[in-house]
Amino acid sequence: MATFVKIAQLVLAVALIILVLLQERGSGVSESFGGGGEAGFYQQRRGLEKVIFIATIVGLVLFAGASLANLFIR
């Protein structure tokens, strides 16, 4: 059981890295620090962007659960 949890945690970690990298909100260094053209208004997520956002949240919850399970199963 402990091996399964460790493998699941590893797979979830890689999936989370990929999902976070897929979320592109702007380009350039100024966008990273809150500057740029889109800083003044809110744009709603639609389509694939919304699916990636929700999948990232679900993956984060599953990763946290796997981490806690790994802590207590030892």
C-alpha atoms as a PDB file:
ATOM      1  CA  MET A   1       0.000   0.000   0.000  1.00  0.00           C
ATOM      2  CA  ALA A   2       2.832   2.404   0.827  1.00  0.00           C
ATOM      3  CA  THR A   3       4.405   1.821  -2.581  1.00  0.00           C
ATOM      4  CA  PHE A   4       1.118   2.648  -4.310  1.00  0.00           C
ATOM      5  CA  VAL A   5       0.815   5.927  -2.411  1.00  0.00           C
ATOM      6  CA  LYS A   6       4.386   6.911  -3.277  1.00  0.00           C
ATOM      7  CA  ILE A   7       3.852   6.155  -6.975  1.00  0.00           C
ATOM      8  CA  ALA A   8       0.555   8.072  -6.952  1.00  0.00           C
ATOM      9  CA  GLN A   9       2.267  11.029  -5.304  1.00  0.00           C
ATOM     10  CA  LEU A  10       5.007  11.023  -7.941  1.00  0.00           C
ATOM     11  CA  VAL A  11       2.517  10.845 -10.823  1.00  0.00           C
ATOM     12  CA  LEU A  12       0.408  13.629  -9.307  1.00  0.00           C
ATOM     13  CA  ALA A  13       3.495  15.817  -8.833  1.00  0.00           C
ATOM     14  CA  VAL A  14       4.459  15.482 -12.501  1.00  0.00           C
ATOM     15  CA  ALA A  15       0.856  16.107 -13.595  1.00  0.00           C
ATOM     16  CA  LEU A  16       0.662  19.246 -11.438  1.00  0.00           C
ATOM     17  CA  ILE A  17       3.888  20.604 -12.901  1.00  0.00           C
ATOM     18  CA  ILE A  18       2.527  20.105 -16.416  1.00  0.00           C
ATOM     19  CA  LEU A  19      -0.857  21.657 -15.571  1.00  0.00           C
ATOM     20  CA  VAL A  20       0.734  24.726 -13.993  1.00  0.00           C
ATOM     21  CA  LEU A  21       3.017  25.210 -16.983  1.00  0.00           C
ATOM     22  CA  LEU A  22       0.020  24.993 -19.325  1.00  0.00           C
ATOM     23  CA  GLN A  23      -1.660  27.936 -17.602  1.00  0.00           C
ATOM     24  CA  GLU A  24      -0.446  30.878 -19.634  1.00  0.00           C
ATOM     25  CA  ARG A  25      -1.743  34.214 -18.357  1.00  0.00           C
ATOM     26  CA  GLY A  26       0.616  36.537 -20.179  1.00  0.00           C
ATOM     27  CA  SER A  27       4.021  36.791 -21.688  1.00  0.00           C
ATOM     28  CA  GLY A  28       7.063  38.571 -20.448  1.00  0.00           C
ATOM     29  CA  VAL A  29       8.521  39.443 -17.088  1.00  0.00           C
ATOM     30  CA  SER A  30       6.186  42.378 -16.490  1.00  0.00           C
ATOM     31  CA  GLU A  31       3.178  40.050 -16.586  1.00  0.00           C
ATOM     32  CA  SER A  32       4.743  37.867 -13.912  1.00  0.00           C
ATOM     33  CA  PHE A  33       4.914  40.769 -11.467  1.00  0.00           C
ATOM     34  CA  GLY A  34       1.420  42.127 -12.095  1.00  0.00           C
ATOM     35  CA  GLY A  35       2.159  44.705 -14.763  1.00  0.00           C
ATOM     36  CA  GLY A  36       1.190  44.772 -18.389  1.00  0.00           C
ATOM     37  CA  GLY A  37      -1.987  45.147 -20.377  1.00  0.00           C
ATOM     38  CA  GLU A  38      -4.319  42.747 -18.599  1.00  0.00           C
ATOM     39  CA  ALA A  39      -3.714  44.056 -15.094  1.00  0.00           C
ATOM     40  CA  GLY A  40      -6.637  46.463 -15.209  1.00  0.00           C
ATOM     41  CA  PHE A  41      -9.526  44.063 -15.791  1.00  0.00           C
ATOM     42  CA  TYR A  42     -10.738  40.562 -15.012  1.00  0.00           C
ATOM     43  CA  GLN A  43     -11.276  38.060 -17.815  1.00  0.00           C
ATOM     44  CA  GLN A  44     -13.401  34.978 -17.230  1.00  0.00           C
ATOM     45  CA  ARG A  45     -11.893  31.564 -17.973  1.00  0.00           C
ATOM     46  CA  ARG A  46     -13.598  29.669 -20.779  1.00  0.00           C
ATOM     47  CA  GLY A  47     -13.203  26.396 -22.610  1.00  0.00           C
ATOM     48  CA  LEU A  48      -9.928  24.539 -22.263  1.00  0.00           C
ATOM     49  CA  GLU A  49      -8.474  27.204 -19.953  1.00  0.00           C
ATOM     50  CA  LYS A  50     -11.270  26.542 -17.442  1.00  0.00           C
ATOM     51  CA  VAL A  51     -10.779  22.761 -17.667  1.00  0.00           C
ATOM     52  CA  ILE A  52      -7.027  23.109 -17.010  1.00  0.00           C
ATOM     53  CA  PHE A  53      -7.712  25.440 -14.060  1.00  0.00           C
ATOM     54  CA  ILE A  54     -10.186  23.020 -12.445  1.00  0.00           C
ATOM     55  CA  ALA A  55      -7.910  20.036 -13.138  1.00  0.00           C
ATOM     56  CA  THR A  56      -5.073  21.876 -11.380  1.00  0.00           C
ATOM     57  CA  ILE A  57      -7.207  22.409  -8.276  1.00  0.00           C
ATOM     58  CA  VAL A  58      -8.370  18.776  -8.248  1.00  0.00           C
ATOM     59  CA  GLY A  59      -4.788  17.589  -8.733  1.00  0.00           C
ATOM     60  CA  LEU A  60      -3.628  19.778  -5.860  1.00  0.00           C
ATOM     61  CA  VAL A  61      -6.247  18.313  -3.514  1.00  0.00           C
ATOM     62  CA  LEU A  62      -5.357  14.762  -4.575  1.00  0.00           C
ATOM     63  CA  PHE A  63      -1.637  15.477  -4.124  1.00  0.00           C
ATOM     64  CA  ALA A  64      -2.249  16.860  -0.635  1.00  0.00           C
ATOM     65  CA  GLY A  65      -4.286  13.759   0.216  1.00  0.00           C
ATOM     66  CA  ALA A  66      -1.562  11.464  -1.107  1.00  0.00           C
ATOM     67  CA  SER A  67       1.042  13.380   0.895  1.00  0.00           C
ATOM     68  CA  LEU A  68      -0.977  13.007   4.096  1.00  0.00           C
ATOM     69  CA  ALA A  69      -1.574   9.317   3.367  1.00  0.00           C
ATOM     70  CA  ASN A  70       2.155   8.841   2.805  1.00  0.00           C
ATOM     71  CA  LEU A  71       2.813  10.512   6.156  1.00  0.00           C
ATOM     72  CA  PHE A  72       0.449   8.252   8.107  1.00  0.00           C
ATOM     73  CA  ILE A  73       0.937   4.909   6.297  1.00  0.00           C
ATOM     74  CA  ARG A  74       4.624   4.487   7.140  1.00  0.00           C
END
